[in-house]
Amino acid sequence: MGKQSFKIVLGRDEQGGDIAVDLAALPHLLIGGSTGSGKSVCIRLILSQLMRTKSPDEVKFIIYDEKCIEFRRMGNCPYLFKPVVTDPQALLSVLEALRDELEDRTQAIMNGDPVPRIVVVADEYAGLMVSHSERAEPLLAKMLVLGRAAGIHFVFATQRPDEVVMSPPLRCGFPGRIAFKVAFEEDSRMIIDENGADRLNGKGDFRFRDSTGLHRGQAPYISDEDFKSLCAP
């Protein structure tokens, strides 16, 4: 796996410069926003850049798409670690299997063995937290802490930024957070610890918080057709 960069450009800031992160260093990203604000397009953007710059030997995806809308077309994409997951219980089982592999993956990385990074993507994870919170919250909290050393990264999105879905242990585990337009000030504070996302314009307008502070940006649009072409075997 090595120490190579997994740079992702999230969008442009108000001065026209790139807002970029290195997923390998971040290492996890939480995305919140109302329906239609840009969350799913942002996920497509992240996956598209990784597929353009990395081979399937370098990175694999675990995709959770409960609504079976955004990522059902990925089909036999060579970047998939396993077929797209559509059920909360199945996602929980996948995460538990990953947890059991943490020590082996970490040891392989320390030994210099070639191990692809795994990016776990959830287009909407609220159902997991509502139906399986007693198992899911401690499991995710542990994975978020130990995932970096094992080359496992989480990109989770939700339209429900509340204490059930974004509990304090989970929020603390995501050092990178993107807020697209939300309905209420409290939603904005839940995602990025400040007001402001409730006053965004929508359609990709976002606020991003990381260790360097809070940034405002505009995310580009990635069409279904462009994304599907990158997923082809």
C-alpha atoms as a PDB file:
ATOM      1  CA  MET A   1       0.000   0.000   0.000  1.00  0.00           C
ATOM      2  CA  GLY A   2       2.827   2.356   0.795  1.00  0.00           C
ATOM      3  CA  LYS A   3       2.603   6.010   1.756  1.00  0.00           C
ATOM      4  CA  GLN A   4       1.390   7.317  -1.593  1.00  0.00           C
ATOM      5  CA  SER A   5      -1.051  10.204  -1.745  1.00  0.00           C
ATOM      6  CA  PHE A   6      -4.744   9.660  -2.354  1.00  0.00           C
ATOM      7  CA  LYS A   7      -5.491  13.266  -3.255  1.00  0.00           C
ATOM      8  CA  ILE A   8      -9.105  14.232  -3.892  1.00  0.00           C
ATOM      9  CA  VAL A   9     -10.250  17.664  -5.077  1.00  0.00           C
ATOM     10  CA  LEU A  10     -13.607  18.400  -3.475  1.00  0.00           C
ATOM     11  CA  GLY A  11     -14.214  21.666  -5.338  1.00  0.00           C
ATOM     12  CA  ARG A  12     -13.089  25.264  -5.745  1.00  0.00           C
ATOM     13  CA  ASP A  13     -12.935  27.858  -2.987  1.00  0.00           C
ATOM     14  CA  GLU A  14     -14.143  31.462  -3.228  1.00  0.00           C
ATOM     15  CA  GLN A  15     -10.782  32.552  -4.665  1.00  0.00           C
ATOM     16  CA  GLY A  16     -10.863  29.891  -7.390  1.00  0.00           C
ATOM     17  CA  GLY A  17      -8.316  27.584  -5.761  1.00  0.00           C
ATOM     18  CA  ASP A  18      -8.726  23.877  -5.145  1.00  0.00           C
ATOM     19  CA  ILE A  19     -10.149  22.526  -1.921  1.00  0.00           C
ATOM     20  CA  ALA A  20      -8.342  19.208  -1.750  1.00  0.00           C
ATOM     21  CA  VAL A  21      -7.674  16.450   0.762  1.00  0.00           C
ATOM     22  CA  ASP A  22      -5.392  13.456   0.893  1.00  0.00           C
ATOM     23  CA  LEU A  23      -7.655  10.590   1.904  1.00  0.00           C
ATOM     24  CA  ALA A  24      -4.638   8.599   3.068  1.00  0.00           C
ATOM     25  CA  ALA A  25      -3.900  11.285   5.654  1.00  0.00           C
ATOM     26  CA  LEU A  26      -7.429  12.554   6.424  1.00  0.00           C
ATOM     27  CA  PRO A  27      -8.477   9.585   6.754  1.00  0.00           C
ATOM     28  CA  HIS A  28     -12.335   9.700   6.961  1.00  0.00           C
ATOM     29  CA  LEU A  29     -14.987  12.038   5.556  1.00  0.00           C
ATOM     30  CA  LEU A  30     -18.512  12.746   6.820  1.00  0.00           C
ATOM     31  CA  ILE A  31     -21.041  14.384   4.466  1.00  0.00           C
ATOM     32  CA  GLY A  32     -24.381  15.905   5.467  1.00  0.00           C
ATOM     33  CA  GLY A  33     -27.042  17.828   3.608  1.00  0.00           C
ATOM     34  CA  SER A  34     -30.653  17.954   2.501  1.00  0.00           C
ATOM     35  CA  THR A  35     -32.028  15.901  -0.387  1.00  0.00           C
ATOM     36  CA  GLY A  36     -30.726  17.245  -3.691  1.00  0.00           C
ATOM     37  CA  SER A  37     -28.025  19.412  -2.112  1.00  0.00           C
ATOM     38  CA  GLY A  38     -25.097  17.524  -3.647  1.00  0.00           C
ATOM     39  CA  LYS A  39     -24.180  14.612  -1.362  1.00  0.00           C
ATOM     40  CA  SER A  40     -24.458  11.791  -3.920  1.00  0.00           C
ATOM     41  CA  VAL A  41     -22.715  13.834  -6.616  1.00  0.00           C
ATOM     42  CA  CYS A  42     -19.893  14.489  -4.147  1.00  0.00           C
ATOM     43  CA  ILE A  43     -19.527  10.750  -3.571  1.00  0.00           C
ATOM     44  CA  ARG A  44     -19.440  10.161  -7.333  1.00  0.00           C
ATOM     45  CA  LEU A  45     -16.754  12.843  -7.570  1.00  0.00           C
ATOM     46  CA  ILE A  46     -14.607  11.154  -4.919  1.00  0.00           C
ATOM     47  CA  LEU A  47     -14.946   7.694  -6.440  1.00  0.00           C
ATOM     48  CA  SER A  48     -14.341   9.038  -9.957  1.00  0.00           C
ATOM     49  CA  GLN A  49     -11.062  10.663  -8.986  1.00  0.00           C
ATOM     50  CA  LEU A  50      -9.833   7.530  -7.263  1.00  0.00           C
ATOM     51  CA  MET A  51     -10.721   5.422 -10.311  1.00  0.00           C
ATOM     52  CA  ARG A  52      -8.935   7.878 -12.612  1.00  0.00           C
ATOM     53  CA  THR A  53      -5.742   7.956 -10.562  1.00  0.00           C
ATOM     54  CA  LYS A  54      -5.494   4.518  -8.915  1.00  0.00           C
ATOM     55  CA  SER A  55      -5.667   0.950 -10.175  1.00  0.00           C
ATOM     56  CA  PRO A  56      -7.947  -1.741  -8.704  1.00  0.00           C
ATOM     57  CA  ASP A  57      -4.818  -3.199  -7.113  1.00  0.00           C
ATOM     58  CA  GLU A  58      -4.348   0.031  -5.162  1.00  0.00           C
ATOM     59  CA  VAL A  59      -7.888   0.746  -3.975  1.00  0.00           C
ATOM     60  CA  LYS A  60     -11.137  -1.166  -3.527  1.00  0.00           C
ATOM     61  CA  PHE A  61     -14.617   0.131  -2.705  1.00  0.00           C
ATOM     62  CA  ILE A  62     -17.329  -1.169  -0.440  1.00  0.00           C
ATOM     63  CA  ILE A  63     -20.507   0.675  -1.470  1.00  0.00           C
ATOM     64  CA  TYR A  64     -23.661   0.853   0.626  1.00  0.00           C
ATOM     65  CA  ASP A  65     -26.663   2.126  -1.345  1.00  0.00           C
ATOM     66  CA  GLU A  66     -29.821   1.279   0.563  1.00  0.00           C
ATOM     67  CA  LYS A  67     -32.087   3.072  -1.924  1.00  0.00           C
ATOM     68  CA  CYS A  68     -30.544   1.196  -4.868  1.00  0.00           C
ATOM     69  CA  ILE A  69     -30.519   4.415  -6.899  1.00  0.00           C
ATOM     70  CA  GLU A  70     -27.109   6.033  -7.169  1.00  0.00           C
ATOM     71  CA  PHE A  71     -24.685   3.116  -7.443  1.00  0.00           C
ATOM     72  CA  ARG A  72     -26.690   0.182  -8.733  1.00  0.00           C
ATOM     73  CA  ARG A  73     -25.038   0.658 -12.143  1.00  0.00           C
ATOM     74  CA  MET A  74     -21.583  -0.218 -10.841  1.00  0.00           C
ATOM     75  CA  GLY A  75     -22.283  -3.852 -11.683  1.00  0.00           C
ATOM     76  CA  ASN A  76     -18.994  -5.676 -12.269  1.00  0.00           C
ATOM     77  CA  CYS A  77     -16.769  -2.659 -11.655  1.00  0.00           C
ATOM     78  CA  PRO A  78     -13.257  -4.023 -10.953  1.00  0.00           C
ATOM     79  CA  TYR A  79     -12.854  -1.566  -8.064  1.00  0.00           C
ATOM     80  CA  LEU A  80     -15.623  -3.201  -6.025  1.00  0.00           C
ATOM     81  CA  PHE A  81     -14.388  -5.224  -3.043  1.00  0.00           C
ATOM     82  CA  LYS A  82     -17.769  -7.006  -3.139  1.00  0.00           C
ATOM     83  CA  PRO A  83     -21.144  -6.353  -4.834  1.00  0.00           C
ATOM     84  CA  VAL A  84     -22.973  -3.173  -3.828  1.00  0.00           C
ATOM     85  CA  VAL A  85     -24.581  -3.634  -0.389  1.00  0.00           C
ATOM     86  CA  THR A  86     -28.226  -2.583  -0.086  1.00  0.00           C
ATOM     87  CA  ASP A  87     -29.314  -3.836   3.346  1.00  0.00           C
ATOM     88  CA  PRO A  88     -28.314  -2.440   6.785  1.00  0.00           C
ATOM     89  CA  GLN A  89     -27.834  -5.909   8.244  1.00  0.00           C
ATOM     90  CA  ALA A  90     -25.596  -6.884   5.345  1.00  0.00           C
ATOM     91  CA  LEU A  91     -23.538  -3.716   5.826  1.00  0.00           C
ATOM     92  CA  LEU A  92     -23.149  -4.499   9.509  1.00  0.00           C
ATOM     93  CA  SER A  93     -21.896  -7.988   8.620  1.00  0.00           C
ATOM     94  CA  VAL A  94     -19.400  -6.510   6.144  1.00  0.00           C
ATOM     95  CA  LEU A  95     -18.097  -4.062   8.759  1.00  0.00           C
ATOM     96  CA  GLU A  96     -17.734  -6.835  11.336  1.00  0.00           C
ATOM     97  CA  ALA A  97     -15.749  -8.888   8.832  1.00  0.00           C
ATOM     98  CA  LEU A  98     -13.494  -5.879   8.183  1.00  0.00           C
ATOM     99  CA  ARG A  99     -12.992  -5.425  11.909  1.00  0.00           C
ATOM    100  CA  ASP A 100     -11.835  -9.026  12.145  1.00  0.00           C
ATOM    101  CA  GLU A 101      -9.281  -8.332   9.395  1.00  0.00           C
ATOM    102  CA  LEU A 102      -7.869  -5.165  10.986  1.00  0.00           C
ATOM    103  CA  GLU A 103      -4.938  -6.824  12.723  1.00  0.00           C
ATOM    104  CA  ASP A 104      -3.939  -8.889   9.675  1.00  0.00           C
ATOM    105  CA  ARG A 105      -4.149  -5.861   7.360  1.00  0.00           C
ATOM    106  CA  THR A 106      -2.167  -3.685   9.746  1.00  0.00           C
ATOM    107  CA  GLN A 107       0.545  -6.338  10.084  1.00  0.00           C
ATOM    108  CA  ALA A 108       0.740  -6.781   6.300  1.00  0.00           C
ATOM    109  CA  ILE A 109       1.156  -3.030   5.838  1.00  0.00           C
ATOM    110  CA  MET A 110       3.899  -2.911   8.474  1.00  0.00           C
ATOM    111  CA  ASN A 111       5.677  -5.745   6.662  1.00  0.00           C
ATOM    112  CA  GLY A 112       5.474  -3.901   3.353  1.00  0.00           C
ATOM    113  CA  ASP A 113       3.143  -6.434   1.742  1.00  0.00           C
ATOM    114  CA  PRO A 114       0.959  -5.085  -1.110  1.00  0.00           C
ATOM    115  CA  VAL A 115      -2.498  -4.404   0.332  1.00  0.00           C
ATOM    116  CA  PRO A 116      -5.075  -2.236  -1.447  1.00  0.00           C
ATOM    117  CA  ARG A 117      -6.729   0.537   0.502  1.00  0.00           C
ATOM    118  CA  ILE A 118     -10.421  -0.026   1.149  1.00  0.00           C
ATOM    119  CA  VAL A 119     -12.826   2.910   0.935  1.00  0.00           C
ATOM    120  CA  VAL A 120     -16.172   2.194   2.611  1.00  0.00           C
ATOM    121  CA  VAL A 121     -18.838   4.466   1.136  1.00  0.00           C
ATOM    122  CA  ALA A 122     -22.380   4.868   2.472  1.00  0.00           C
ATOM    123  CA  ASP A 123     -24.669   7.106   0.436  1.00  0.00           C
ATOM    124  CA  GLU A 124     -27.140   7.176   3.356  1.00  0.00           C
ATOM    125  CA  TYR A 125     -26.258   5.427   6.589  1.00  0.00           C
ATOM    126  CA  ALA A 126     -29.138   6.618   8.799  1.00  0.00           C
ATOM    127  CA  GLY A 127     -30.963   3.289   8.420  1.00  0.00           C
ATOM    128  CA  LEU A 128     -27.953   1.454   9.839  1.00  0.00           C
ATOM    129  CA  MET A 129     -27.860   3.655  12.937  1.00  0.00           C
ATOM    130  CA  VAL A 130     -31.614   3.595  13.507  1.00  0.00           C
ATOM    131  CA  SER A 131     -32.025  -0.165  13.187  1.00  0.00           C
ATOM    132  CA  HIS A 132     -28.692  -1.422  14.583  1.00  0.00           C
ATOM    133  CA  SER A 133     -27.304   1.408  16.726  1.00  0.00           C
ATOM    134  CA  GLU A 134     -26.261  -0.816  19.674  1.00  0.00           C
ATOM    135  CA  ARG A 135     -23.949  -2.841  17.445  1.00  0.00           C
ATOM    136  CA  ALA A 136     -23.170  -0.272  14.762  1.00  0.00           C
ATOM    137  CA  GLU A 137     -22.039   2.682  16.896  1.00  0.00           C
ATOM    138  CA  PRO A 138     -19.252   0.961  18.880  1.00  0.00           C
ATOM    139  CA  LEU A 139     -18.181  -0.961  15.799  1.00  0.00           C
ATOM    140  CA  LEU A 140     -17.888   2.169  13.653  1.00  0.00           C
ATOM    141  CA  ALA A 141     -16.221   4.121  16.458  1.00  0.00           C
ATOM    142  CA  LYS A 142     -13.526   1.441  16.704  1.00  0.00           C
ATOM    143  CA  MET A 143     -13.085   1.188  12.941  1.00  0.00           C
ATOM    144  CA  LEU A 144     -12.708   4.954  12.611  1.00  0.00           C
ATOM    145  CA  VAL A 145      -9.887   4.943  15.169  1.00  0.00           C
ATOM    146  CA  LEU A 146      -8.032   1.903  13.859  1.00  0.00           C
ATOM    147  CA  GLY A 147      -8.882   2.161  10.163  1.00  0.00           C
ATOM    148  CA  ARG A 148      -6.032   4.478   9.170  1.00  0.00           C
ATOM    149  CA  ALA A 149      -3.316   2.010  10.158  1.00  0.00           C
ATOM    150  CA  ALA A 150      -5.171  -0.753   8.318  1.00  0.00           C
ATOM    151  CA  GLY A 151      -5.679   1.281   5.142  1.00  0.00           C
ATOM    152  CA  ILE A 152      -9.470   1.461   5.592  1.00  0.00           C
ATOM    153  CA  HIS A 153     -11.257   4.779   5.003  1.00  0.00           C
ATOM    154  CA  PHE A 154     -14.879   5.787   5.511  1.00  0.00           C
ATOM    155  CA  VAL A 155     -16.903   8.238   3.419  1.00  0.00           C
ATOM    156  CA  PHE A 156     -20.355   8.370   5.004  1.00  0.00           C
ATOM    157  CA  ALA A 157     -23.240  10.631   3.960  1.00  0.00           C
ATOM    158  CA  THR A 158     -26.665  11.372   5.426  1.00  0.00           C
ATOM    159  CA  GLN A 159     -29.600  13.731   5.093  1.00  0.00           C
ATOM    160  CA  ARG A 160     -30.386  13.201   8.780  1.00  0.00           C
ATOM    161  CA  PRO A 161     -27.767  15.046  10.885  1.00  0.00           C
ATOM    162  CA  ASP A 162     -29.060  14.309  14.380  1.00  0.00           C
ATOM    163  CA  GLU A 163     -27.735  12.742  17.581  1.00  0.00           C
ATOM    164  CA  VAL A 164     -28.815   9.254  16.528  1.00  0.00           C
ATOM    165  CA  VAL A 165     -27.004   9.302  13.193  1.00  0.00           C
ATOM    166  CA  MET A 166     -24.161  11.666  14.132  1.00  0.00           C
ATOM    167  CA  SER A 167     -23.507  10.701  17.731  1.00  0.00           C
ATOM    168  CA  PRO A 168     -20.483  12.342  19.414  1.00  0.00           C
ATOM    169  CA  PRO A 169     -18.229   9.242  19.119  1.00  0.00           C
ATOM    170  CA  LEU A 170     -18.887   9.066  15.384  1.00  0.00           C
ATOM    171  CA  ARG A 171     -18.505  12.787  14.755  1.00  0.00           C
ATOM    172  CA  CYS A 172     -15.159  12.769  16.568  1.00  0.00           C
ATOM    173  CA  GLY A 173     -13.988   9.957  14.310  1.00  0.00           C
ATOM    174  CA  PHE A 174     -14.493  11.976  11.123  1.00  0.00           C
ATOM    175  CA  PRO A 175     -11.808  14.716  10.946  1.00  0.00           C
ATOM    176  CA  GLY A 176     -13.117  15.838   7.551  1.00  0.00           C
ATOM    177  CA  ARG A 177     -16.743  16.991   7.313  1.00  0.00           C
ATOM    178  CA  ILE A 178     -18.695  18.471   4.425  1.00  0.00           C
ATOM    179  CA  ALA A 179     -21.999  20.285   4.913  1.00  0.00           C
ATOM    180  CA  PHE A 180     -24.140  20.912   1.876  1.00  0.00           C
ATOM    181  CA  LYS A 181     -27.315  22.970   2.223  1.00  0.00           C
ATOM    182  CA  VAL A 182     -29.433  22.025   5.233  1.00  0.00           C
ATOM    183  CA  ALA A 183     -32.783  23.257   6.488  1.00  0.00           C
ATOM    184  CA  PHE A 184     -31.867  24.379   9.991  1.00  0.00           C
ATOM    185  CA  GLU A 185     -29.002  25.979  11.908  1.00  0.00           C
ATOM    186  CA  GLU A 186     -28.823  23.029  14.297  1.00  0.00           C
ATOM    187  CA  ASP A 187     -28.225  20.711  11.333  1.00  0.00           C
ATOM    188  CA  SER A 188     -25.279  22.861  10.281  1.00  0.00           C
ATOM    189  CA  ARG A 189     -23.826  22.842  13.793  1.00  0.00           C
ATOM    190  CA  MET A 190     -24.199  19.070  13.992  1.00  0.00           C
ATOM    191  CA  ILE A 191     -22.136  18.577  10.821  1.00  0.00           C
ATOM    192  CA  ILE A 192     -19.483  21.301  10.958  1.00  0.00           C
ATOM    193  CA  ASP A 193     -19.825  22.736  14.497  1.00  0.00           C
ATOM    194  CA  GLU A 194     -20.972  26.118  13.157  1.00  0.00           C
ATOM    195  CA  ASN A 195     -23.973  27.795  11.561  1.00  0.00           C
ATOM    196  CA  GLY A 196     -23.849  28.638   7.872  1.00  0.00           C
ATOM    197  CA  ALA A 197     -24.819  25.527   5.924  1.00  0.00           C
ATOM    198  CA  ASP A 198     -28.462  26.568   6.299  1.00  0.00           C
ATOM    199  CA  ARG A 199     -27.650  29.669   4.225  1.00  0.00           C
ATOM    200  CA  LEU A 200     -25.899  27.896   1.345  1.00  0.00           C
ATOM    201  CA  ASN A 201     -27.261  28.088  -2.205  1.00  0.00           C
ATOM    202  CA  GLY A 202     -27.644  24.354  -2.824  1.00  0.00           C
ATOM    203  CA  LYS A 203     -26.528  22.435  -5.937  1.00  0.00           C
ATOM    204  CA  GLY A 204     -22.999  21.721  -4.773  1.00  0.00           C
ATOM    205  CA  ASP A 205     -22.400  24.810  -2.624  1.00  0.00           C
ATOM    206  CA  PHE A 206     -20.690  23.495   0.526  1.00  0.00           C
ATOM    207  CA  ARG A 207     -18.746  24.202   3.676  1.00  0.00           C
ATOM    208  CA  PHE A 208     -15.842  21.916   4.531  1.00  0.00           C
ATOM    209  CA  ARG A 209     -14.163  21.530   7.903  1.00  0.00           C
ATOM    210  CA  ASP A 210     -10.827  19.844   8.495  1.00  0.00           C
ATOM    211  CA  SER A 211      -7.840  20.402  10.776  1.00  0.00           C
ATOM    212  CA  THR A 212      -7.006  23.669   8.984  1.00  0.00           C
ATOM    213  CA  GLY A 213     -10.390  25.261   9.621  1.00  0.00           C
ATOM    214  CA  LEU A 214     -13.623  25.950   7.766  1.00  0.00           C
ATOM    215  CA  HIS A 215     -13.726  26.523   4.011  1.00  0.00           C
ATOM    216  CA  ARG A 216     -16.513  27.359   1.564  1.00  0.00           C
ATOM    217  CA  GLY A 217     -16.500  25.797  -1.874  1.00  0.00           C
ATOM    218  CA  GLN A 218     -18.415  24.756  -4.960  1.00  0.00           C
ATOM    219  CA  ALA A 219     -18.320  21.101  -5.973  1.00  0.00           C
ATOM    220  CA  PRO A 220     -18.279  20.148  -9.681  1.00  0.00           C
ATOM    221  CA  TYR A 221     -21.009  18.059 -11.255  1.00  0.00           C
ATOM    222  CA  ILE A 222     -20.320  14.469 -12.323  1.00  0.00           C
ATOM    223  CA  SER A 223     -23.062  12.973 -14.491  1.00  0.00           C
ATOM    224  CA  ASP A 224     -24.384   9.427 -14.241  1.00  0.00           C
ATOM    225  CA  GLU A 225     -23.034   8.720 -17.732  1.00  0.00           C
ATOM    226  CA  ASP A 226     -19.503   9.886 -16.920  1.00  0.00           C
ATOM    227  CA  PHE A 227     -19.477   7.917 -13.694  1.00  0.00           C
ATOM    228  CA  LYS A 228     -20.786   4.763 -15.359  1.00  0.00           C
ATOM    229  CA  SER A 229     -18.075   4.948 -18.043  1.00  0.00           C
ATOM    230  CA  LEU A 230     -15.387   4.895 -15.345  1.00  0.00           C
ATOM    231  CA  CYS A 231     -16.977   1.864 -13.657  1.00  0.00           C
ATOM    232  CA  ALA A 232     -16.859  -0.328 -16.778  1.00  0.00           C
ATOM    233  CA  PRO A 233     -14.620  -3.402 -16.460  1.00  0.00           C
END
